[in-house]
Amino acid sequence: MHIHIIGICGTFMGGIARLATELGHQVTGSDQQVYPPMSDQLRALGIDLIEGYRAENIDKTVELVIIGNALSRGNPEVEAVLNQKLSYCSGAQWLHDNVLGQRWVLAVSGTHGKTTTASMLTWILQANGYQPGFLIGGVPGNFNVSAALGESDFFIIEADEYDTAFFDKRSKFVHYSPNTLVINNLEFDHADIFDTLADIQKQFAHLLRIVPGNGQVIIPDQVDAIEQVITKGCWSDVVRVGKDWHYHANSADASLFNLRRDDNEVAVKLPLVGTHNMHNAVMAMIAAFHVGVLPQQAAEALATFKAPKRRLELLLEYRGIKVFDDFAHHPTAIKTTVDALKKSETGRLVVLLEPRSNTMKSGVHKDALANALADADSINIFAPESIEWDIASAVPNARVFGDTEAMLQHAIDDLVPGDTVVIMSNGGFEGMQNRLVKALQAT
């Protein structure tokens, strides 16, 4: 079958393209911005990529069009699909119908930690011989691809609550029918599509309705926002971390911890830092236990885990300066990243932040940002014209920059040996990561 994917270069849609290619389909695709590394990965699979959206991109041999959730009415290719009455669906629907089927689906959901937890879970199963398939919203370090069919009945998916498509406003994860569901945490986010936390909780309640009775839902204990969802209806076994399973850090940076269930306890050495990553690892270990991986086996796998790209990824260690790249874009995630680096590194912590998500740009979380950044020694925030609030007033101790060149130059002039830099954004940040690395290497 010839499948054309509109919006192919996003991580999720790029993963869909890879899976479709593995299934033997001819795949073409278009996107507004076609650039590495996704463009290189897709072209290596033999996928014909077209930059820009035009009606003529969909030729007469196309049998199905998969439309990304960032596309809407008015897009030339979307209009062509509707005008010509071509067969179309969302990426999530295609995944459900063509890949997930009768497989044992392990879904990782929540506001934070989905990519890392799903990557950990995938590696635990892979290291223990399960050969799972996966589709993750990032590039797992142990695999270097964001998706694969796998060679077993097990499939791990990062299950986000963002909407499915312009014609399907349900969250994508309601298409996944998980047997094992992890809910890492639950806070307000995605203010561009949700008005309140209750709106998000409603989508999670829909998700719980399709977990089978012999399935399992894994949640942190005593999190009100999650418990409120559970009380709306849950017909599956609920495992509470902190009640049914317990864990505690044995090191200041949480890279060493113990996990206990009943009288059985296992020590875990994690090649990541931060209490949030300890929590992510625990959730992954418990999900793996549901399919038969013992905690000791999971711990051995995690000892060789490699973090996904852009999840506290060390980009450079040069002349006593370390540069990390992190996807953190919500105040809670920002705070946990700052906390992790303060406990694991010495010297000053320098933050370069781009408030990139729609929620951050609108100022929904502005009152929480100063507290999230409070422990950083130097706070530098990029404020393009799209920012709808006064960053300087919300974070008084921050340096605010209207362009990234001025921010870059300040960082180069300010950094000294012993400093740790973390670049935080869920977007491109105008290439700040590579620009800073190259500039430091040239000094």
Protein backbone atom coordinates (compact mmCIF):
# COMPACT_ATOMS: atom_id res chain seq x y z
CA MET A 1 0.00 0.00 0.00
CA HIS A 2 1.18 3.53 -0.78
CA ILE A 3 0.80 5.63 2.39
CA HIS A 4 1.37 9.38 2.41
CA ILE A 5 2.01 11.03 5.79
CA ILE A 6 1.30 14.74 6.24
CA GLY A 7 3.54 16.13 8.98
CA ILE A 8 5.99 13.25 8.78
CA CYS A 9 9.00 14.80 10.52
CA GLY A 10 7.59 14.96 14.05
CA THR A 11 8.91 12.26 16.36
CA PHE A 12 5.56 10.44 16.60
CA MET A 13 4.74 10.62 12.89
CA GLY A 14 8.31 9.73 11.98
CA GLY A 15 7.89 6.66 14.16
CA ILE A 16 4.66 5.79 12.36
CA ALA A 17 6.52 6.09 9.05
CA ARG A 18 9.20 3.72 10.25
CA LEU A 19 6.67 1.13 11.41
CA ALA A 20 4.75 1.36 8.12
CA THR A 21 7.97 0.84 6.20
CA GLU A 22 8.85 -2.20 8.34
CA LEU A 23 5.42 -3.62 7.45
CA GLY A 24 6.31 -3.37 3.78
CA HIS A 25 4.32 -0.31 2.75
CA GLN A 26 5.55 2.35 0.34
CA VAL A 27 5.75 5.56 2.35
CA THR A 28 6.01 9.17 1.23
CA GLY A 29 5.60 12.23 3.38
CA SER A 30 5.63 15.98 3.60
CA ASP A 31 6.38 18.53 6.28
CA GLN A 32 6.90 22.25 6.59
CA GLN A 33 10.44 21.77 7.90
CA VAL A 34 12.47 18.81 6.67
CA TYR A 35 15.84 18.71 8.44
CA PRO A 36 18.19 16.30 10.25
CA PRO A 37 18.23 14.12 12.22
CA MET A 38 14.67 12.96 11.41
CA SER A 39 15.03 13.66 7.69
CA ASP A 40 18.20 11.56 7.54
CA GLN A 41 16.55 8.68 9.42
CA LEU A 42 13.53 8.68 7.13
CA ARG A 43 15.49 8.94 3.90
CA ALA A 44 17.71 6.06 5.06
CA LEU A 45 14.51 3.97 5.10
CA GLY A 46 13.85 4.87 1.46
CA ILE A 47 11.05 7.31 2.27
CA ASP A 48 10.52 10.12 -0.24
CA LEU A 49 10.32 13.38 1.72
CA ILE A 50 8.79 16.58 0.36
CA GLU A 51 9.36 19.97 1.99
CA GLY A 52 6.29 22.17 2.08
CA TYR A 53 2.59 21.36 1.84
CA ARG A 54 1.01 21.29 -1.62
CA ALA A 55 -2.03 19.48 -3.02
CA GLU A 56 0.10 17.92 -5.77
CA ASN A 57 2.25 16.16 -3.13
CA ILE A 58 -0.51 13.54 -2.96
CA ASP A 59 -0.28 11.71 -6.26
CA LYS A 60 -2.80 9.28 -7.74
CA THR A 61 -1.02 6.21 -6.40
CA VAL A 62 -1.64 7.18 -2.76
CA GLU A 63 -4.08 4.74 -1.14
CA LEU A 64 -4.13 6.12 2.43
CA VAL A 65 -3.21 9.47 3.95
CA ILE A 66 -2.15 9.67 7.61
CA ILE A 67 -2.65 13.18 8.97
CA GLY A 68 -0.56 14.50 11.85
CA ASN A 69 -2.22 16.19 14.80
CA ALA A 70 -0.49 19.51 14.09
CA LEU A 71 -2.36 19.83 10.78
CA SER A 72 -5.70 21.62 10.46
CA ARG A 73 -8.25 22.82 7.91
CA GLY A 74 -6.75 25.19 5.40
CA ASN A 75 -3.63 23.11 4.90
CA PRO A 76 -3.40 22.47 1.12
CA GLU A 77 -2.88 18.73 1.51
CA VAL A 78 -5.66 18.37 4.08
CA GLU A 79 -8.02 20.21 1.73
CA ALA A 80 -6.98 17.96 -1.16
CA VAL A 81 -7.69 14.85 0.91
CA LEU A 82 -11.18 16.08 1.77
CA ASN A 83 -12.02 17.42 -1.68
CA GLN A 84 -10.96 14.19 -3.38
CA LYS A 85 -12.58 12.01 -0.67
CA LEU A 86 -9.35 10.09 -0.16
CA SER A 87 -9.03 7.53 2.63
CA TYR A 88 -7.41 9.12 5.68
CA CYS A 89 -6.87 8.52 9.38
CA SER A 90 -4.78 9.74 12.30
CA GLY A 91 -1.42 8.27 13.26
CA ALA A 92 -2.86 6.92 16.50
CA GLN A 93 -5.74 5.21 14.71
CA TRP A 94 -3.41 3.66 12.13
CA LEU A 95 -1.18 2.40 14.92
CA HIS A 96 -4.14 0.78 16.70
CA ASP A 97 -5.45 -0.90 13.56
CA ASN A 98 -2.17 -2.06 12.02
CA VAL A 99 0.37 -2.59 14.79
CA LEU A 100 -1.09 -2.90 18.28
CA GLY A 101 -3.89 -5.35 17.46
CA GLN A 102 -3.63 -8.37 19.76
CA ARG A 103 -0.26 -7.35 21.24
CA TRP A 104 0.41 -6.80 24.93
CA VAL A 105 0.64 -3.01 25.03
CA LEU A 106 2.58 -1.29 27.82
CA ALA A 107 1.68 2.41 27.80
CA VAL A 108 3.53 5.11 29.74
CA SER A 109 1.48 8.24 30.41
CA GLY A 110 1.59 11.31 32.64
CA THR A 111 2.71 14.92 32.50
CA HIS A 112 6.43 14.25 32.99
CA GLY A 113 8.92 11.46 32.43
CA LYS A 114 7.11 9.56 29.68
CA THR A 115 10.01 9.37 27.25
CA THR A 116 12.58 8.32 29.83
CA THR A 117 10.28 5.80 31.54
CA ALA A 118 9.20 4.26 28.23
CA SER A 119 12.84 4.04 27.14
CA MET A 120 13.79 2.35 30.41
CA LEU A 121 10.94 -0.11 30.10
CA THR A 122 11.86 -0.93 26.51
CA TRP A 123 15.49 -1.55 27.46
CA ILE A 124 14.54 -3.72 30.45
CA LEU A 125 12.44 -5.96 28.22
CA GLN A 126 15.02 -6.00 25.43
CA ALA A 127 17.90 -6.84 27.79
CA ASN A 128 15.86 -9.74 29.16
CA GLY A 129 15.13 -11.28 25.78
CA TYR A 130 11.59 -10.02 25.17
CA GLN A 131 12.42 -8.24 21.86
CA PRO A 132 9.56 -5.73 22.22
CA GLY A 133 8.29 -3.29 19.66
CA PHE A 134 8.14 0.37 20.67
CA LEU A 135 7.17 3.88 19.67
CA ILE A 136 8.67 6.60 21.86
CA GLY A 137 8.55 10.38 21.61
CA GLY A 138 12.32 10.63 21.62
CA VAL A 139 15.33 8.60 20.62
CA PRO A 140 16.23 5.95 23.26
CA GLY A 141 19.97 5.85 23.77
CA ASN A 142 20.11 2.04 23.70
CA PHE A 143 18.38 1.83 20.30
CA ASN A 144 19.11 5.06 18.35
CA VAL A 145 15.68 4.89 16.65
CA SER A 146 12.34 6.11 17.97
CA ALA A 147 10.28 3.13 16.79
CA ALA A 148 10.55 -0.53 15.83
CA LEU A 149 8.07 -3.37 15.30
CA GLY A 150 10.00 -5.78 17.49
CA GLU A 151 9.81 -9.56 17.31
CA SER A 152 7.35 -10.42 20.06
CA ASP A 153 3.82 -9.74 21.28
CA PHE A 154 5.01 -6.90 23.53
CA PHE A 155 4.84 -3.26 22.47
CA ILE A 156 5.82 -0.22 24.57
CA ILE A 157 4.36 3.17 23.71
CA GLU A 158 4.74 6.65 25.09
CA ALA A 159 1.12 7.60 25.64
CA ASP A 160 0.61 11.35 25.66
CA GLU A 161 -2.66 13.16 26.24
CA TYR A 162 -2.36 15.55 23.32
CA ASP A 163 -5.27 15.46 20.89
CA THR A 164 -5.33 12.98 18.02
CA ALA A 165 -6.13 15.07 14.92
CA PHE A 166 -8.21 18.02 13.75
CA PHE A 167 -11.05 15.53 13.15
CA ASP A 168 -10.56 13.58 16.41
CA LYS A 169 -10.15 15.72 19.53
CA ARG A 170 -9.76 12.80 21.90
CA SER A 171 -6.32 12.25 23.42
CA LYS A 172 -4.09 10.03 21.31
CA PHE A 173 -3.73 7.47 24.09
CA VAL A 174 -7.38 6.35 23.92
CA HIS A 175 -6.41 4.49 20.73
CA TYR A 176 -3.75 2.36 22.41
CA SER A 177 -5.79 -0.14 24.50
CA PRO A 178 -3.00 -0.85 27.01
CA ASN A 179 -2.73 -4.03 29.07
CA THR A 180 -0.21 -2.34 31.35
CA LEU A 181 -0.71 1.37 32.01
CA VAL A 182 1.73 3.61 33.87
CA ILE A 183 0.50 7.03 35.02
CA ASN A 184 3.68 8.75 36.19
CA ASN A 185 2.06 11.95 37.46
CA LEU A 186 -0.71 14.33 36.48
CA GLU A 187 -0.58 18.14 36.33
CA PHE A 188 -2.05 20.86 34.17
CA ASP A 189 -0.33 21.26 30.81
CA HIS A 190 -1.17 21.78 27.11
CA ALA A 191 -3.12 24.97 27.72
CA ASP A 192 -3.61 25.29 23.97
CA ILE A 193 -6.09 22.39 23.99
CA PHE A 194 -7.16 22.00 27.64
CA ASP A 195 -8.79 24.71 29.75
CA THR A 196 -8.42 23.02 33.13
CA LEU A 197 -6.83 20.05 34.87
CA ALA A 198 -10.32 18.53 34.99
CA ASP A 199 -10.35 18.45 31.18
CA ILE A 200 -7.15 16.40 31.21
CA GLN A 201 -8.47 14.14 33.94
CA LYS A 202 -11.51 13.41 31.78
CA GLN A 203 -9.24 12.07 29.05
CA PHE A 204 -7.41 9.86 31.56
CA ALA A 205 -10.78 8.57 32.77
CA HIS A 206 -11.56 7.59 29.17
CA LEU A 207 -8.21 5.80 29.03
CA LEU A 208 -8.95 3.78 32.19
CA ARG A 209 -12.21 2.60 30.63
CA ILE A 210 -10.34 0.65 27.95
CA VAL A 211 -7.75 -1.07 30.17
CA PRO A 212 -8.98 -4.68 30.39
CA GLY A 213 -10.02 -6.32 33.65
CA ASN A 214 -6.91 -8.52 33.56
CA GLY A 215 -4.72 -5.49 32.93
CA GLN A 216 -2.85 -3.37 35.44
CA VAL A 217 -2.69 0.35 36.23
CA ILE A 218 0.48 1.55 37.99
CA ILE A 219 0.28 4.89 39.81
CA PRO A 220 2.12 6.79 42.55
CA ASP A 221 0.33 6.58 45.89
CA GLN A 222 -1.61 9.54 47.28
CA VAL A 223 -1.56 11.83 44.24
CA ASP A 224 -4.93 13.57 44.41
CA ALA A 225 -5.20 14.36 40.70
CA ILE A 226 -4.70 10.68 39.83
CA GLU A 227 -6.90 9.33 42.62
CA GLN A 228 -9.73 11.55 41.39
CA VAL A 229 -9.44 9.85 38.01
CA ILE A 230 -9.41 6.38 39.58
CA THR A 231 -12.63 7.13 41.48
CA LYS A 232 -14.40 7.92 38.20
CA GLY A 233 -14.09 4.24 37.32
CA CYS A 234 -11.35 1.65 37.07
CA TRP A 235 -11.95 -2.02 36.32
CA SER A 236 -8.32 -3.17 36.45
CA ASP A 237 -5.82 -4.06 39.15
CA VAL A 238 -4.34 -0.83 40.57
CA VAL A 239 -0.76 -0.96 41.90
CA ARG A 240 0.29 2.00 44.02
CA VAL A 241 3.96 2.91 44.26
CA GLY A 242 4.60 3.92 47.85
CA LYS A 243 2.02 1.47 49.17
CA ASP A 244 2.40 -1.82 47.29
CA TRP A 245 6.01 -1.08 46.32
CA HIS A 246 8.45 1.16 48.23
CA TYR A 247 11.70 2.82 47.20
CA HIS A 248 14.27 5.15 48.75
CA ALA A 249 17.45 6.85 47.55
CA ASN A 250 20.81 5.74 48.90
CA SER A 251 22.75 8.65 47.40
CA ALA A 252 22.24 12.41 47.33
CA ASP A 253 21.75 12.41 43.56
CA ALA A 254 19.39 9.36 43.67
CA SER A 255 21.60 7.36 41.29
CA LEU A 256 21.66 4.58 43.91
CA PHE A 257 18.35 3.40 45.33
CA ASN A 258 16.52 0.40 46.74
CA LEU A 259 13.18 -0.99 45.57
CA ARG A 260 11.18 -3.20 47.94
CA ARG A 261 8.05 -5.30 47.58
CA ASP A 262 6.92 -7.22 50.68
CA ASP A 263 10.16 -8.72 52.09
CA ASN A 264 12.04 -8.67 48.80
CA GLU A 265 14.43 -5.78 48.19
CA VAL A 266 16.76 -5.02 45.31
CA ALA A 267 19.54 -2.43 44.99
CA VAL A 268 19.62 -0.41 41.78
CA LYS A 269 22.53 1.55 40.30
CA LEU A 270 21.22 4.01 37.75
CA PRO A 271 23.49 5.82 35.26
CA LEU A 272 21.26 8.91 35.60
CA VAL A 273 20.79 11.43 38.37
CA GLY A 274 17.78 13.00 40.05
CA THR A 275 14.86 11.82 42.14
CA HIS A 276 12.65 12.13 39.06
CA ASN A 277 14.77 9.56 37.22
CA MET A 278 14.68 7.27 40.23
CA HIS A 279 10.87 7.51 40.10
CA ASN A 280 10.91 6.85 36.35
CA ALA A 281 13.07 3.76 36.87
CA VAL A 282 10.80 2.42 39.60
CA MET A 283 7.71 2.76 37.41
CA ALA A 284 9.51 1.00 34.55
CA MET A 285 10.62 -1.84 36.83
CA ILE A 286 7.10 -2.41 38.14
CA ALA A 287 5.61 -2.36 34.64
CA ALA A 288 8.24 -4.90 33.56
CA PHE A 289 7.36 -7.08 36.56
CA HIS A 290 3.78 -7.22 35.26
CA VAL A 291 5.00 -9.09 32.17
CA GLY A 292 7.39 -11.34 34.10
CA VAL A 293 10.71 -9.52 34.52
CA LEU A 294 11.97 -9.88 38.09
CA PRO A 295 13.21 -6.73 39.87
CA GLN A 296 16.79 -8.05 40.03
CA GLN A 297 16.73 -8.68 36.28
CA ALA A 298 15.36 -5.18 35.69
CA ALA A 299 18.05 -3.67 37.93
CA GLU A 300 20.78 -5.39 35.93
CA ALA A 301 19.35 -3.97 32.71
CA LEU A 302 19.08 -0.44 34.12
CA ALA A 303 22.78 -0.49 35.02
CA THR A 304 23.48 -0.30 31.26
CA PHE A 305 20.67 2.09 30.38
CA LYS A 306 21.49 5.06 28.16
CA ALA A 307 19.36 8.17 28.50
CA PRO A 308 17.24 9.29 25.54
CA LYS A 309 18.43 12.23 23.50
CA ARG A 310 17.71 15.58 25.16
CA ARG A 311 16.91 14.10 28.57
CA LEU A 312 19.73 15.51 30.70
CA GLU A 313 22.04 14.57 27.84
CA LEU A 314 25.69 15.52 28.39
CA LEU A 315 26.72 17.32 25.21
CA LEU A 316 30.17 18.51 26.18
CA GLU A 317 32.76 18.33 28.94
CA TYR A 318 35.52 20.73 27.97
CA ARG A 319 38.05 22.66 30.02
CA GLY A 320 36.12 22.07 33.22
CA ILE A 321 32.75 23.14 31.81
CA LYS A 322 29.88 20.68 31.35
CA VAL A 323 26.98 21.35 28.97
CA PHE A 324 23.71 19.40 29.31
CA ASP A 325 20.65 19.43 27.05
CA ASP A 326 17.26 18.80 28.66
CA PHE A 327 13.68 18.74 27.35
CA ALA A 328 12.24 20.26 30.54
CA HIS A 329 9.53 22.81 29.73
CA HIS A 330 7.04 22.60 32.64
CA PRO A 331 7.96 24.19 36.01
CA THR A 332 7.85 20.83 37.78
CA ALA A 333 10.24 19.27 35.25
CA ILE A 334 12.47 22.36 35.34
CA LYS A 335 12.69 22.19 39.12
CA THR A 336 13.57 18.48 39.15
CA THR A 337 16.29 19.05 36.55
CA VAL A 338 17.80 21.92 38.54
CA ASP A 339 17.63 19.87 41.72
CA ALA A 340 19.29 16.86 40.07
CA LEU A 341 22.22 18.88 38.74
CA LYS A 342 22.72 20.79 42.00
CA LYS A 343 23.08 17.48 43.83
CA SER A 344 25.27 15.75 41.27
CA GLU A 345 27.58 18.56 40.11
CA THR A 346 29.85 21.05 41.85
CA GLY A 347 30.40 24.68 40.93
CA ARG A 348 27.83 27.09 39.51
CA LEU A 349 24.69 25.90 37.75
CA VAL A 350 23.92 28.07 34.73
CA VAL A 351 20.47 27.75 33.10
CA LEU A 352 19.63 28.76 29.53
CA LEU A 353 15.86 28.43 29.14
CA GLU A 354 13.51 28.80 26.20
CA PRO A 355 9.81 28.94 27.27
CA ARG A 356 8.80 27.11 24.11
CA SER A 357 5.59 25.16 24.77
CA ASN A 358 2.25 26.81 24.08
CA THR A 359 1.47 26.61 27.79
CA MET A 360 4.69 28.38 28.76
CA LYS A 361 4.40 31.03 26.04
CA SER A 362 0.91 31.94 27.21
CA GLY A 363 2.13 32.49 30.78
CA VAL A 364 -0.06 29.85 32.46
CA HIS A 365 2.86 28.70 34.64
CA LYS A 366 4.62 32.06 35.06
CA ASP A 367 3.99 32.23 38.81
CA ALA A 368 5.70 28.87 39.35
CA LEU A 369 8.76 29.53 37.23
CA ALA A 370 10.79 31.60 39.71
CA ASN A 371 10.51 28.89 42.34
CA ALA A 372 11.41 26.21 39.80
CA LEU A 373 14.63 28.06 38.95
CA ALA A 374 15.44 29.32 42.44
CA ASP A 375 18.42 27.02 43.11
CA ALA A 376 20.22 27.89 39.87
CA ASP A 377 23.18 30.25 40.22
CA SER A 378 22.67 31.99 36.89
CA ILE A 379 19.30 32.16 35.12
CA ASN A 380 19.13 33.21 31.47
CA ILE A 381 15.78 33.21 29.63
CA PHE A 382 15.08 33.73 25.94
CA ALA A 383 12.03 35.97 25.40
CA PRO A 384 11.01 36.16 21.74
CA GLU A 385 8.10 38.33 20.64
CA SER A 386 5.71 35.36 20.91
CA ILE A 387 5.98 35.44 24.72
CA GLU A 388 2.74 36.90 26.09
CA TRP A 389 3.95 37.83 29.60
CA ASP A 390 6.66 39.81 31.38
CA ILE A 391 9.44 37.34 32.22
CA ALA A 392 11.52 39.95 34.05
CA SER A 393 8.68 40.59 36.52
CA ALA A 394 7.92 36.90 37.04
CA VAL A 395 11.58 35.87 37.48
CA PRO A 396 13.31 39.00 38.86
CA ASN A 397 16.75 37.40 39.19
CA ALA A 398 16.85 36.24 35.56
CA ARG A 399 18.69 37.83 32.65
CA VAL A 400 16.20 38.13 29.80
CA PHE A 401 17.35 38.12 26.17
CA GLY A 402 15.39 39.11 23.10
CA ASP A 403 17.63 37.15 20.77
CA THR A 404 19.70 34.01 21.12
CA GLU A 405 22.91 35.57 19.76
CA ALA A 406 23.09 37.96 22.73
CA MET A 407 22.33 35.07 25.09
CA LEU A 408 25.05 32.95 23.50
CA GLN A 409 27.65 35.70 23.71
CA HIS A 410 26.83 36.36 27.35
CA ALA A 411 27.18 32.67 28.18
CA ILE A 412 30.57 32.45 26.47
CA ASP A 413 31.85 35.51 28.33
CA ASP A 414 30.38 34.41 31.68
CA LEU A 415 31.29 30.72 31.90
CA VAL A 416 34.34 29.63 33.88
CA PRO A 417 35.90 26.21 34.62
CA GLY A 418 33.76 24.28 37.10
CA ASP A 419 30.46 25.58 35.74
CA THR A 420 27.60 23.30 34.68
CA VAL A 421 25.30 24.59 31.93
CA VAL A 422 21.86 23.15 31.25
CA ILE A 423 19.98 24.20 28.12
CA MET A 424 16.25 23.65 28.62
CA SER A 425 13.69 23.70 25.81
CA ASN A 426 11.20 21.36 24.16
CA GLY A 427 11.96 22.98 20.82
CA GLY A 428 14.88 23.95 18.62
CA PHE A 429 16.04 26.98 20.66
CA GLU A 430 17.50 28.31 17.38
CA GLY A 431 20.25 25.69 17.59
CA MET A 432 21.54 27.02 20.93
CA GLN A 433 22.84 23.59 21.96
CA ASN A 434 25.19 23.13 19.01
CA ARG A 435 26.09 26.80 18.85
CA LEU A 436 27.23 26.87 22.48
CA VAL A 437 29.18 23.63 22.15
CA LYS A 438 31.03 24.87 19.05
CA ALA A 439 31.72 28.26 20.60
CA LEU A 440 33.20 26.73 23.75
CA GLN A 441 35.33 24.32 21.76
CA ALA A 442 36.71 27.26 19.78
CA THR A 443 37.88 29.11 22.90
